[in-house]
Every structure is written in structure tokens, then in C-alpha cells.
PDB file of all heavy atoms in Angstrom:
ATOM      1  N   LEU A   1      93.295  42.115  -8.094  1.00  0.00           N
ATOM      2  CA  LEU A   1      93.532  42.945  -6.842  1.00  0.00           C
ATOM      3  C   LEU A   1      93.424  42.108  -5.550  1.00  0.00           C
ATOM      4  O   LEU A   1      93.266  42.681  -4.552  1.00  0.00           O
ATOM      5  CB  LEU A   1      92.554  44.059  -6.894  1.00  0.00           C
ATOM      6  CG  LEU A   1      92.631  45.042  -8.034  1.00  0.00           C
ATOM      7  CD1 LEU A   1      91.700  46.202  -7.806  1.00  0.00           C
ATOM      8  CD2 LEU A   1      94.024  45.585  -8.234  1.00  0.00           C
ATOM      9  N   VAL A   2      93.425  40.777  -5.686  1.00  0.00           N
ATOM     10  CA  VAL A   2      93.369  39.887  -4.598  1.00  0.00           C
ATOM     11  C   VAL A   2      94.475  38.784  -4.671  1.00  0.00           C
ATOM     12  O   VAL A   2      94.571  38.218  -5.752  1.00  0.00           O
ATOM     13  CB  VAL A   2      91.932  39.262  -4.438  1.00  0.00           C
ATOM     14  CG1 VAL A   2      91.843  38.269  -3.420  1.00  0.00           C
ATOM     15  CG2 VAL A   2      90.860  40.323  -4.305  1.00  0.00           C
ATOM     16  N   GLY A   3      95.098  38.556  -3.524  1.00  0.00           N
ATOM     17  CA  GLY A   3      96.144  37.527  -3.593  1.00  0.00           C
ATOM     18  C   GLY A   3      95.680  36.174  -3.049  1.00  0.00           C
ATOM     19  O   GLY A   3      96.210  35.156  -3.489  1.00  0.00           O
ATOM     20  N   GLY A   4      94.693  36.207  -2.200  1.00  0.00           N
ATOM     21  CA  GLY A   4      94.070  34.902  -1.656  1.00  0.00           C
ATOM     22  C   GLY A   4      92.795  35.227  -0.977  1.00  0.00           C
ATOM     23  O   GLY A   4      92.423  36.374  -0.797  1.00  0.00           O
ATOM     24  N   LEU A   5      92.173  34.193  -0.578  1.00  0.00           N
ATOM     25  CA  LEU A   5      90.856  34.254   0.251  1.00  0.00           C
ATOM     26  C   LEU A   5      90.921  33.363   1.343  1.00  0.00           C
ATOM     27  O   LEU A   5      91.651  32.300   1.287  1.00  0.00           O
ATOM     28  CB  LEU A   5      89.693  33.958  -0.724  1.00  0.00           C
ATOM     29  CG  LEU A   5      89.284  34.834  -1.895  1.00  0.00           C
ATOM     30  CD1 LEU A   5      88.174  34.293  -2.639  1.00  0.00           C
ATOM     31  CD2 LEU A   5      88.921  36.320  -1.436  1.00  0.00           C
ATOM     32  N   PHE A   6      90.186  33.572   2.419  1.00  0.00           N
ATOM     33  CA  PHE A   6      90.124  32.568   3.496  1.00  0.00           C
ATOM     34  C   PHE A   6      88.707  32.515   4.006  1.00  0.00           C
ATOM     35  O   PHE A   6      87.871  33.397   3.784  1.00  0.00           O
ATOM     36  CB  PHE A   6      91.115  32.888   4.597  1.00  0.00           C
ATOM     37  CG  PHE A   6      90.796  33.995   5.612  1.00  0.00           C
ATOM     38  CD1 PHE A   6      90.189  33.728   6.811  1.00  0.00           C
ATOM     39  CD2 PHE A   6      91.028  35.359   5.216  1.00  0.00           C
ATOM     40  CE1 PHE A   6      89.893  34.826   7.607  1.00  0.00           C
ATOM     41  CE2 PHE A   6      90.650  36.363   6.063  1.00  0.00           C
ATOM     42  CZ  PHE A   6      90.212  36.092   7.333  1.00  0.00           C
ATOM     43  N   ASN A   7      88.437  31.357   4.630  1.00  0.00           N
ATOM     44  CA  ASN A   7      87.023  30.978   5.119  1.00  0.00           C
ATOM     45  C   ASN A   7      86.128  30.662   3.999  1.00  0.00           C
ATOM     46  O   ASN A   7      84.930  30.695   4.262  1.00  0.00           O
ATOM     47  CB  ASN A   7      86.600  31.982   5.993  1.00  0.00           C
ATOM     48  CG  ASN A   7      87.164  31.847   7.434  1.00  0.00           C
ATOM     49  OD1 ASN A   7      88.167  31.006   7.650  1.00  0.00           O
ATOM     50  ND2 ASN A   7      86.897  32.754   8.395  1.00  0.00           N
ATOM     51  N   LEU A   8      86.503  30.317   2.799  1.00  0.00           N
ATOM     52  CA  LEU A   8      85.570  29.863   1.799  1.00  0.00           C
ATOM     53  C   LEU A   8      85.643  28.358   1.793  1.00  0.00           C
ATOM     54  O   LEU A   8      86.846  27.815   1.621  1.00  0.00           O
ATOM     55  CB  LEU A   8      85.938  30.444   0.391  1.00  0.00           C
ATOM     56  CG  LEU A   8      85.125  29.948  -0.784  1.00  0.00           C
ATOM     57  CD1 LEU A   8      83.653  30.327  -0.492  1.00  0.00           C
ATOM     58  CD2 LEU A   8      85.559  30.479  -2.081  1.00  0.00           C
ATOM     59  N   LYS A   9      84.682  27.733   2.090  1.00  0.00           N
ATOM     60  CA  LYS A   9      84.627  26.206   2.240  1.00  0.00           C
ATOM     61  C   LYS A   9      83.935  25.506   1.165  1.00  0.00           C
ATOM     62  O   LYS A   9      82.777  25.975   0.792  1.00  0.00           O
ATOM     63  CB  LYS A   9      84.036  25.873   3.597  1.00  0.00           C
ATOM     64  CG  LYS A   9      84.207  24.407   4.012  1.00  0.00           C
ATOM     65  CD  LYS A   9      83.743  24.115   5.422  1.00  0.00           C
ATOM     66  CE  LYS A   9      84.072  22.732   5.851  1.00  0.00           C
ATOM     67  NZ  LYS A   9      83.696  22.375   7.187  1.00  0.00           N
ATOM     68  N   GLY A  10      84.493  24.466   0.655  1.00  0.00           N
ATOM     69  CA  GLY A  10      83.815  23.608  -0.341  1.00  0.00           C
ATOM     70  C   GLY A  10      84.609  23.663  -1.650  1.00  0.00           C
ATOM     71  O   GLY A  10      84.775  24.733  -2.237  1.00  0.00           O
ATOM     72  N   VAL A  11      85.032  22.530  -2.054  1.00  0.00           N
ATOM     73  CA  VAL A  11      85.964  22.463  -3.266  1.00  0.00           C
ATOM     74  C   VAL A  11      85.284  23.019  -4.599  1.00  0.00           C
ATOM     75  O   VAL A  11      85.904  23.674  -5.343  1.00  0.00           O
ATOM     76  CB  VAL A  11      86.414  21.018  -3.508  1.00  0.00           C
ATOM     77  CG1 VAL A  11      85.334  20.084  -3.886  1.00  0.00           C
ATOM     78  CG2 VAL A  11      87.482  20.962  -4.560  1.00  0.00           C
ATOM     79  N   ALA A  12      83.956  22.872  -4.742  1.00  0.00           N
ATOM     80  CA  ALA A  12      83.252  23.352  -5.901  1.00  0.00           C
ATOM     81  C   ALA A  12      83.283  24.841  -5.912  1.00  0.00           C
ATOM     82  O   ALA A  12      83.502  25.515  -6.880  1.00  0.00           O
ATOM     83  CB  ALA A  12      81.842  22.713  -5.980  1.00  0.00           C
ATOM     84  N   LYS A  13      82.974  25.399  -4.739  1.00  0.00           N
ATOM     85  CA  LYS A  13      82.978  26.911  -4.630  1.00  0.00           C
ATOM     86  C   LYS A  13      84.417  27.488  -4.882  1.00  0.00           C
ATOM     87  O   LYS A  13      84.578  28.481  -5.568  1.00  0.00           O
ATOM     88  CB  LYS A  13      82.500  27.333  -3.165  1.00  0.00           C
ATOM     89  CG  LYS A  13      81.056  26.918  -2.923  1.00  0.00           C
ATOM     90  CD  LYS A  13      80.771  27.167  -1.433  1.00  0.00           C
ATOM     91  CE  LYS A  13      79.412  26.510  -1.041  1.00  0.00           C
ATOM     92  NZ  LYS A  13      79.156  26.815   0.389  1.00  0.00           N
ATOM     93  N   ILE A  14      85.333  26.745  -4.247  1.00  0.00           N
ATOM     94  CA  ILE A  14      86.812  27.262  -4.451  1.00  0.00           C
ATOM     95  C   ILE A  14      87.217  27.175  -5.920  1.00  0.00           C
ATOM     96  O   ILE A  14      87.808  28.009  -6.515  1.00  0.00           O
ATOM     97  CB  ILE A  14      87.726  26.532  -3.493  1.00  0.00           C
ATOM     98  CG1 ILE A  14      87.480  26.893  -2.093  1.00  0.00           C
ATOM     99  CG2 ILE A  14      89.162  26.600  -3.975  1.00  0.00           C
ATOM    100  CD1 ILE A  14      88.233  26.142  -1.008  1.00  0.00           C
ATOM    101  N   ARG A  15      86.767  26.098  -6.641  1.00  0.00           N
ATOM    102  CA  ARG A  15      87.053  25.976  -8.006  1.00  0.00           C
ATOM    103  C   ARG A  15      86.568  27.105  -8.817  1.00  0.00           C
ATOM    104  O   ARG A  15      87.125  27.653  -9.708  1.00  0.00           O
ATOM    105  CB  ARG A  15      86.677  24.598  -8.503  1.00  0.00           C
ATOM    106  CG  ARG A  15      87.067  24.338  -9.912  1.00  0.00           C
ATOM    107  CD  ARG A  15      86.655  22.923 -10.429  1.00  0.00           C
ATOM    108  NE  ARG A  15      87.066  22.705 -11.793  1.00  0.00           N
ATOM    109  CZ  ARG A  15      88.246  22.134 -12.205  1.00  0.00           C
ATOM    110  NH1 ARG A  15      89.051  21.713 -11.188  1.00  0.00           N
ATOM    111  NH2 ARG A  15      88.503  21.981 -13.397  1.00  0.00           N
ATOM    112  N   ASP A  16      85.279  27.438  -8.527  1.00  0.00           N
ATOM    113  CA  ASP A  16      84.588  28.526  -9.255  1.00  0.00           C
ATOM    114  C   ASP A  16      85.418  29.841  -9.085  1.00  0.00           C
ATOM    115  O   ASP A  16      85.566  30.571 -10.057  1.00  0.00           O
ATOM    116  CB  ASP A  16      83.151  28.768  -8.684  1.00  0.00           C
ATOM    117  CG  ASP A  16      82.151  27.772  -9.345  1.00  0.00           C
ATOM    118  OD1 ASP A  16      82.554  27.021 -10.178  1.00  0.00           O
ATOM    119  OD2 ASP A  16      81.052  27.735  -8.793  1.00  0.00           O
ATOM    120  N   VAL A  17      85.822  30.126  -7.843  1.00  0.00           N
ATOM    121  CA  VAL A  17      86.505  31.390  -7.550  1.00  0.00           C
ATOM    122  C   VAL A  17      87.921  31.362  -8.185  1.00  0.00           C
ATOM    123  O   VAL A  17      88.408  32.359  -8.711  1.00  0.00           O
ATOM    124  CB  VAL A  17      86.552  31.663  -6.131  1.00  0.00           C
ATOM    125  CG1 VAL A  17      87.373  32.968  -5.821  1.00  0.00           C
ATOM    126  CG2 VAL A  17      85.105  31.802  -5.510  1.00  0.00           C
ATOM    127  N   GLN A  18      88.576  30.197  -8.100  1.00  0.00           N
ATOM    128  CA  GLN A  18      89.939  30.056  -8.739  1.00  0.00           C
ATOM    129  C   GLN A  18      89.805  30.296 -10.260  1.00  0.00           C
ATOM    130  O   GLN A  18      90.718  30.941 -10.885  1.00  0.00           O
ATOM    131  CB  GLN A  18      90.499  28.753  -8.446  1.00  0.00           C
ATOM    132  CG  GLN A  18      91.915  28.494  -8.840  1.00  0.00           C
ATOM    133  CD  GLN A  18      92.955  29.305  -8.033  1.00  0.00           C
ATOM    134  OE1 GLN A  18      92.991  30.432  -8.077  1.00  0.00           O
ATOM    135  NE2 GLN A  18      93.753  28.553  -7.277  1.00  0.00           N
ATOM    136  N   LYS A  19      88.809  29.773 -10.848  1.00  0.00           N
ATOM    137  CA  LYS A  19      88.597  30.022 -12.262  1.00  0.00           C
ATOM    138  C   LYS A  19      88.403  31.402 -12.659  1.00  0.00           C
ATOM    139  O   LYS A  19      88.940  31.826 -13.713  1.00  0.00           O
ATOM    140  CB  LYS A  19      87.280  29.231 -12.693  1.00  0.00           C
ATOM    141  CG  LYS A  19      87.085  29.204 -14.243  1.00  0.00           C
ATOM    142  CD  LYS A  19      85.835  28.412 -14.633  1.00  0.00           C
ATOM    143  CE  LYS A  19      85.678  28.256 -16.109  1.00  0.00           C
ATOM    144  NZ  LYS A  19      84.574  27.405 -16.493  1.00  0.00           N
ATOM    145  N   LEU A  20      87.839  32.225 -11.794  1.00  0.00           N
ATOM    146  CA  LEU A  20      87.738  33.744 -12.054  1.00  0.00           C
ATOM    147  C   LEU A  20      89.114  34.353 -12.080  1.00  0.00           C
ATOM    148  O   LEU A  20      89.441  35.124 -12.984  1.00  0.00           O
ATOM    149  CB  LEU A  20      87.051  34.412 -10.913  1.00  0.00           C
ATOM    150  CG  LEU A  20      85.478  34.333 -10.903  1.00  0.00           C
ATOM    151  CD1 LEU A  20      84.973  34.997  -9.664  1.00  0.00           C
ATOM    152  CD2 LEU A  20      84.838  34.818 -12.091  1.00  0.00           C
ATOM    153  N   ALA A  21      89.992  33.903 -11.198  1.00  0.00           N
ATOM    154  CA  ALA A  21      91.390  34.437 -11.130  1.00  0.00           C
ATOM    155  C   ALA A  21      92.219  34.049 -12.268  1.00  0.00           C
ATOM    156  O   ALA A  21      92.968  34.731 -12.919  1.00  0.00           O
ATOM    157  CB  ALA A  21      92.070  34.024  -9.889  1.00  0.00           C
ATOM    158  N   VAL A  22      92.089  32.789 -12.596  1.00  0.00           N
ATOM    159  CA  VAL A  22      92.990  32.183 -13.668  1.00  0.00           C
ATOM    160  C   VAL A  22      92.586  32.510 -15.067  1.00  0.00           C
ATOM    161  O   VAL A  22      93.361  32.793 -15.875  1.00  0.00           O
ATOM    162  CB  VAL A  22      93.068  30.675 -13.428  1.00  0.00           C
ATOM    163  CG1 VAL A  22      93.855  30.051 -14.542  1.00  0.00           C
ATOM    164  CG2 VAL A  22      93.743  30.326 -12.095  1.00  0.00           C
ATOM    165  N   GLU A  23      91.286  32.625 -15.245  1.00  0.00           N
ATOM    166  CA  GLU A  23      90.724  32.790 -16.622  1.00  0.00           C
ATOM    167  C   GLU A  23      90.208  34.169 -16.931  1.00  0.00           C
ATOM    168  O   GLU A  23      90.076  34.463 -18.100  1.00  0.00           O
ATOM    169  CB  GLU A  23      89.615  31.697 -16.935  1.00  0.00           C
ATOM    170  CG  GLU A  23      90.181  30.208 -16.759  1.00  0.00           C
ATOM    171  CD  GLU A  23      89.144  29.201 -17.074  1.00  0.00           C
ATOM    172  OE1 GLU A  23      88.025  29.579 -17.712  1.00  0.00           O
ATOM    173  OE2 GLU A  23      89.297  28.011 -16.765  1.00  0.00           O
ATOM    174  N   ASN A  24      89.941  34.929 -15.894  1.00  0.00           N
ATOM    175  CA  ASN A  24      89.268  36.233 -16.130  1.00  0.00           C
ATOM    176  C   ASN A  24      90.225  37.367 -15.805  1.00  0.00           C
ATOM    177  O   ASN A  24      89.935  38.468 -16.210  1.00  0.00           O
ATOM    178  CB  ASN A  24      87.939  36.358 -15.334  1.00  0.00           C
ATOM    179  CG  ASN A  24      86.890  35.437 -15.908  1.00  0.00           C
ATOM    180  OD1 ASN A  24      87.103  34.513 -16.530  1.00  0.00           O
ATOM    181  ND2 ASN A  24      85.613  35.834 -15.569  1.00  0.00           N
ATOM    182  N   SER A  25      91.242  37.206 -15.088  1.00  0.00           N
ATOM    183  CA  SER A  25      92.172  38.340 -14.767  1.00  0.00           C
ATOM    184  C   SER A  25      93.227  38.494 -15.738  1.00  0.00           C
ATOM    185  O   SER A  25      93.456  37.555 -16.582  1.00  0.00           O
ATOM    186  CB  SER A  25      92.779  38.123 -13.383  1.00  0.00           C
ATOM    187  OG  SER A  25      93.748  37.057 -13.424  1.00  0.00           O
ATOM    188  N   ARG A  26      93.911  39.561 -15.884  1.00  0.00           N
ATOM    189  CA  ARG A  26      94.784  39.848 -17.023  1.00  0.00           C
ATOM    190  C   ARG A  26      95.971  38.894 -16.994  1.00  0.00           C
ATOM    191  O   ARG A  26      96.384  38.413 -18.067  1.00  0.00           O
ATOM    192  CB  ARG A  26      95.357  41.389 -16.782  1.00  0.00           C
ATOM    193  CG  ARG A  26      96.231  41.784 -17.963  1.00  0.00           C
ATOM    194  CD  ARG A  26      96.655  43.270 -17.781  1.00  0.00           C
ATOM    195  NE  ARG A  26      97.711  43.453 -16.753  1.00  0.00           N
ATOM    196  CZ  ARG A  26      98.956  43.392 -17.042  1.00  0.00           C
ATOM    197  NH1 ARG A  26      99.415  43.124 -18.326  1.00  0.00           N
ATOM    198  NH2 ARG A  26      99.859  43.520 -16.131  1.00  0.00           N
ATOM    199  N   LEU A  27      96.571  38.631 -15.886  1.00  0.00           N
ATOM    200  CA  LEU A  27      97.802  37.724 -15.728  1.00  0.00           C
ATOM    201  C   LEU A  27      97.448  36.413 -15.373  1.00  0.00           C
ATOM    202  O   LEU A  27      98.350  35.470 -15.412  1.00  0.00           O
ATOM    203  CB  LEU A  27      98.763  38.369 -14.776  1.00  0.00           C
ATOM    204  CG  LEU A  27      99.360  39.735 -15.196  1.00  0.00           C
ATOM    205  CD1 LEU A  27     100.393  40.300 -14.141  1.00  0.00           C
ATOM    206  CD2 LEU A  27     100.135  39.588 -16.548  1.00  0.00           C
ATOM    207  N   GLY A  28      96.196  36.106 -15.006  1.00  0.00           N
ATOM    208  CA  GLY A  28      95.909  34.666 -14.612  1.00  0.00           C
ATOM    209  C   GLY A  28      96.645  34.127 -13.454  1.00  0.00           C
ATOM    210  O   GLY A  28      96.825  32.866 -13.371  1.00  0.00           O
ATOM    211  N   ILE A  29      96.879  34.966 -12.381  1.00  0.00           N
ATOM    212  CA  ILE A  29      97.640  34.560 -11.295  1.00  0.00           C
ATOM    213  C   ILE A  29      96.709  33.869 -10.275  1.00  0.00           C
ATOM    214  O   ILE A  29      95.609  34.333  -9.958  1.00  0.00           O
ATOM    215  CB  ILE A  29      98.262  35.681 -10.504  1.00  0.00           C
ATOM    216  CG1 ILE A  29      99.382  36.292 -11.416  1.00  0.00           C
ATOM    217  CG2 ILE A  29      98.979  35.258  -9.202  1.00  0.00           C
ATOM    218  CD1 ILE A  29      99.877  37.674 -10.881  1.00  0.00           C
ATOM    219  N   PRO A  30      96.970  32.609  -9.884  1.00  0.00           N
ATOM    220  CA  PRO A  30      96.051  31.850  -9.062  1.00  0.00           C
ATOM    221  C   PRO A  30      95.996  32.377  -7.658  1.00  0.00           C
ATOM    222  O   PRO A  30      96.872  33.044  -7.200  1.00  0.00           O
ATOM    223  CB  PRO A  30      96.593  30.354  -9.075  1.00  0.00           C
ATOM    224  CG  PRO A  30      98.007  30.581  -9.345  1.00  0.00           C
ATOM    225  CD  PRO A  30      98.163  31.807 -10.238  1.00  0.00           C
ATOM    226  N   LEU A  31      94.976  32.044  -6.903  1.00  0.00           N
ATOM    227  CA  LEU A  31      94.716  32.565  -5.533  1.00  0.00           C
ATOM    228  C   LEU A  31      95.231  31.484  -4.528  1.00  0.00           C
ATOM    229  O   LEU A  31      95.132  30.319  -4.837  1.00  0.00           O
ATOM    230  CB  LEU A  31      93.216  32.802  -5.390  1.00  0.00           C
ATOM    231  CG  LEU A  31      92.573  33.889  -6.176  1.00  0.00           C
ATOM    232  CD1 LEU A  31      91.104  33.866  -5.917  1.00  0.00           C
ATOM    233  CD2 LEU A  31      93.086  35.272  -5.910  1.00  0.00           C
TER     234      LEU A  31
END
């Protein structure tokens, strides 16, 4: 239910959140 995020800073944090979208959502659509 989210297409993207903004104002999240830090590559490690962004990787964690991208992993949620890619590995935990039904279609695995990246943010």
C-alpha cells in the first residue's frame, strides 16, 4: 500500500525498508 518514502536517510535503513517491500509484500514491488 506504499509506492515510495521520503526523508528516510541512511543506506542501511533504506535497505531494511526496501527488503520489507521486496521480500514481504505479495508482488515484491520495490519502493
